[in-house]
Amino acid sequence: MRRLLWDITAKCNLQCRHCYNAYRYSQTQDELSYEECIDAIDKIKRAKIPAINFLGGEPFYRKDFLKIVEYARNKGLVVLIATNSTLIDEHSAAHIIDLGVTSISVSIDGISPITNDRVRGQGSFIAAMKGLNKLLFASQKDSSKTKVGINFTVSGINILDLDNLVDFAHETGVESSFSLYTEESNQIRFS
C-alpha cells in the first residue's frame, strides 16, 4: 500500500531523548492551518494516494486533529496514526475508533515508569498507558477493525525491557513494532 507520512504538527508535550524530529522541530513552529490541511487532503485524494500516516510531534496536540482525520476518512482515505497517547481521553479514543481509523500505534519505551520515563520524561509512562487502555477499551467495546499497537525504540537504556514488552503486547493483544536507536550516531534504524 502506498501511503503518505505526514508530520501534522511540530508540537509535542514530551521531550523524548531519541526523537528524530526534535532538532528540526526546535527550528520552526510552522504548521498548516485547518483549511490548508483540508486542501492537502483533497490533493492527496486526487493524486490517488490511498493512505495517510499521521505523525508528529504529537498529532493529538492539535485541537482540530480529529476534524482533520474525519475529513480524510470521509474522503475514503485509509488513516494510520502514531501517537504517544498521553493526550487521548475517552472521547477522542471513541471518536478515532468510530471513524474507522485503520491503525493507531502508541509509542512507549519501557515496560515500567522507571525505564520509559528515563527516555520520554517524568510521568509519561502512566499517561501513555492510560491513553492506550482507553483506545483498547473503545476498540473492544465496538468490536472495531482498528488495530491498536505499540511502538518501542530499543536503546541501551531499555533493552532489558524488550522481552517483557513482547510479553505485554502478546497478553494485551496489541500489535508491536520495534526500531533500534543507535546512540553513537543519534539515528534510528528500523528493523
Protein backbone atom coordinates (compact mmCIF):
# COMPACT_ATOMS: atom_id res chain seq x y z
CA MET A 1 0.00 0.00 0.00
CA ARG A 2 1.31 3.43 -0.86
CA ARG A 3 0.95 5.98 1.90
CA LEU A 4 1.93 9.49 2.76
CA LEU A 5 3.76 10.13 6.04
CA TRP A 6 2.56 13.46 7.41
CA ASP A 7 4.00 15.23 10.44
CA ILE A 8 0.73 17.00 11.16
CA THR A 9 2.29 19.19 13.86
CA ALA A 10 5.72 20.02 15.21
CA LYS A 11 4.33 20.46 18.70
CA CYS A 12 4.71 17.76 21.32
CA ASN A 13 4.11 17.50 25.04
CA LEU A 14 7.08 15.14 25.58
CA GLN A 15 10.82 15.51 25.06
CA CYS A 16 11.98 12.04 24.09
CA ARG A 17 15.74 11.53 24.08
CA HIS A 18 15.74 9.76 20.73
CA CYS A 19 13.23 11.90 18.85
CA TYR A 20 14.37 12.11 15.26
CA ASN A 21 12.31 15.28 14.78
CA ALA A 22 13.44 17.19 17.88
CA TYR A 23 16.14 19.28 16.21
CA ARG A 24 14.06 20.08 13.15
CA TYR A 25 11.06 20.99 15.27
CA SER A 26 13.11 23.24 17.53
CA GLN A 27 13.90 25.35 14.46
CA THR A 28 10.32 26.02 13.36
CA GLN A 29 6.81 26.00 14.72
CA ASP A 30 5.11 26.41 11.36
CA GLU A 31 2.24 24.08 10.64
CA LEU A 32 -0.60 24.06 8.19
CA SER A 33 -3.87 25.67 9.17
CA TYR A 34 -7.01 23.55 9.23
CA GLU A 35 -8.00 24.89 5.81
CA GLU A 36 -4.57 24.11 4.39
CA CYS A 37 -4.81 20.55 5.79
CA ILE A 38 -8.19 20.10 4.09
CA ASP A 39 -6.72 21.36 0.82
CA ALA A 40 -3.76 18.98 1.20
CA ILE A 41 -6.10 16.03 1.81
CA ASP A 42 -8.03 16.92 -1.35
CA LYS A 43 -4.74 16.94 -3.29
CA ILE A 44 -3.69 13.62 -1.74
CA LYS A 45 -7.01 12.12 -2.84
CA ARG A 46 -6.63 13.50 -6.38
CA ALA A 47 -3.08 12.08 -6.51
CA LYS A 48 -4.61 8.66 -5.76
CA ILE A 49 -2.51 8.14 -2.65
CA PRO A 50 -4.74 5.77 -0.68
CA ALA A 51 -3.39 6.25 2.85
CA ILE A 52 -2.11 8.87 5.27
CA ASN A 53 0.00 8.06 8.31
CA PHE A 54 -0.31 10.99 10.71
CA LEU A 55 2.82 11.55 12.82
CA GLY A 56 4.30 14.46 14.70
CA GLY A 57 5.25 15.96 17.10
CA GLU A 58 2.16 14.67 18.82
CA PRO A 59 -0.88 14.64 16.48
CA PHE A 60 -3.38 14.98 19.34
CA TYR A 61 -1.69 18.24 20.36
CA ARG A 62 -3.67 19.85 17.54
CA LYS A 63 -7.13 20.83 18.73
CA ASP A 64 -8.51 20.19 15.23
CA PHE A 65 -6.83 16.82 14.71
CA LEU A 66 -10.00 14.74 14.98
CA LYS A 67 -11.72 17.02 12.44
CA ILE A 68 -8.77 16.52 10.05
CA VAL A 69 -8.93 12.74 10.49
CA GLU A 70 -12.69 12.79 9.97
CA TYR A 71 -12.29 14.73 6.74
CA ALA A 72 -9.65 12.28 5.47
CA ARG A 73 -11.86 9.29 6.33
CA ASN A 74 -14.88 10.93 4.66
CA LYS A 75 -12.75 11.24 1.52
CA GLY A 76 -12.23 7.48 1.67
CA LEU A 77 -8.59 7.59 2.71
CA VAL A 78 -7.01 4.96 4.91
CA VAL A 79 -5.73 6.63 8.09
CA LEU A 80 -2.98 5.45 10.39
CA ILE A 81 -1.81 7.36 13.46
CA ALA A 82 1.35 7.28 15.57
CA THR A 83 0.91 8.89 19.00
CA ASN A 84 2.37 8.98 22.49
CA SER A 85 -1.30 8.64 23.64
CA THR A 86 -0.80 10.90 26.67
CA LEU A 87 -3.43 13.35 25.38
CA ILE A 88 -6.07 10.75 24.49
CA ASP A 89 -9.23 10.85 26.58
CA GLU A 90 -12.37 8.71 26.40
CA HIS A 91 -13.99 10.98 23.81
CA SER A 92 -11.03 11.07 21.43
CA ALA A 93 -10.45 7.30 21.79
CA ALA A 94 -14.10 6.55 20.95
CA HIS A 95 -14.13 9.07 18.09
CA ILE A 96 -10.99 7.61 16.48
CA ILE A 97 -12.48 4.13 16.66
CA ASP A 98 -15.84 5.37 15.30
CA LEU A 99 -14.06 6.99 12.36
CA GLY A 100 -12.66 3.63 11.32
CA VAL A 101 -9.00 4.54 11.57
CA THR A 102 -7.05 1.52 10.30
CA SER A 103 -4.28 1.61 12.88
CA ILE A 104 -3.19 3.63 15.88
CA SER A 105 0.26 2.98 17.33
CA VAL A 106 1.27 4.12 20.80
CA SER A 107 4.94 4.81 21.40
CA ILE A 108 6.34 3.56 24.69
CA ASP A 109 9.98 2.93 25.53
CA GLY A 110 9.83 0.74 28.58
CA ILE A 111 7.52 -1.58 30.42
CA SER A 112 7.70 0.48 33.61
CA PRO A 113 7.87 4.13 34.60
CA ILE A 114 11.49 3.67 35.63
CA THR A 115 12.65 2.86 32.12
CA ASN A 116 10.08 4.63 29.95
CA ASP A 117 10.22 7.92 31.83
CA ARG A 118 14.01 7.99 31.57
CA VAL A 119 13.57 8.11 27.78
CA ARG A 120 10.30 10.06 27.40
CA GLY A 121 10.03 12.20 30.52
CA GLN A 122 8.61 12.06 34.03
CA GLY A 123 5.04 10.75 34.21
CA SER A 124 4.91 9.74 30.55
CA PHE A 125 4.52 6.00 31.15
CA ILE A 126 1.40 6.27 33.30
CA ALA A 127 -0.15 8.83 30.94
CA ALA A 128 0.66 6.70 27.87
CA MET A 129 -0.77 3.56 29.45
CA LYS A 130 -3.98 5.41 30.33
CA GLY A 131 -4.33 6.50 26.71
CA LEU A 132 -3.52 3.02 25.43
CA ASN A 133 -6.12 1.48 27.75
CA LYS A 134 -8.75 3.97 26.57
CA LEU A 135 -8.01 3.03 22.96
CA LEU A 136 -8.15 -0.69 23.74
CA PHE A 137 -11.43 -0.28 25.64
CA ALA A 138 -13.02 1.74 22.83
CA SER A 139 -11.87 -0.74 20.17
CA GLN A 140 -13.09 -3.79 22.10
CA LYS A 141 -16.36 -2.15 23.08
CA ASP A 142 -17.32 -1.52 19.49
CA SER A 143 -15.66 -4.66 18.05
CA SER A 144 -13.87 -2.37 15.64
CA LYS A 145 -11.41 -3.24 12.94
CA THR A 146 -8.98 -0.58 14.19
CA LYS A 147 -5.66 -2.15 15.09
CA VAL A 148 -4.21 -0.77 18.30
CA GLY A 149 -0.47 -1.27 18.59
CA ILE A 150 2.68 -0.18 20.32
CA ASN A 151 6.00 1.10 19.02
CA PHE A 152 9.16 0.55 21.04
CA THR A 153 12.53 2.09 20.22
CA VAL A 154 15.23 -0.21 21.55
CA SER A 155 18.24 1.53 23.09
CA GLY A 156 20.87 0.86 25.71
CA ILE A 157 18.51 2.32 28.32
CA ASN A 158 15.63 -0.08 27.72
CA ILE A 159 16.97 -3.20 26.02
CA LEU A 160 16.37 -5.25 29.18
CA ASP A 161 12.63 -4.46 28.88
CA LEU A 162 12.37 -5.95 25.39
CA ASP A 163 11.27 -9.47 26.42
CA ASN A 164 8.72 -8.12 28.89
CA LEU A 165 7.36 -5.74 26.30
CA VAL A 166 6.88 -8.55 23.80
CA ASP A 167 5.01 -10.49 26.51
CA PHE A 168 2.91 -7.40 27.30
CA ALA A 169 1.97 -6.97 23.63
CA HIS A 170 1.01 -10.62 23.36
CA GLU A 171 -1.06 -10.57 26.58
CA THR A 172 -2.97 -7.41 25.67
CA GLY A 173 -3.44 -8.38 22.04
CA VAL A 174 -1.78 -5.28 20.63
CA GLU A 175 0.44 -5.34 17.60
CA SER A 176 4.02 -4.34 18.19
CA SER A 177 6.90 -2.94 16.18
CA PHE A 178 10.43 -2.23 17.23
CA SER A 179 13.18 0.04 15.99
CA LEU A 180 16.78 0.24 17.06
CA TYR A 181 18.25 3.52 18.26
CA THR A 182 21.99 3.81 17.82
CA GLU A 183 23.09 6.38 20.34
CA GLU A 184 26.56 6.76 18.83
CA SER A 185 25.18 8.15 15.58
CA ASN A 186 22.00 9.69 17.04
CA GLN A 187 19.94 7.90 14.38
CA ILE A 188 17.14 5.44 14.37
CA ARG A 189 17.49 2.32 12.27
CA PHE A 190 14.39 0.29 11.61
CA SER A 191 14.48 -3.46 11.80
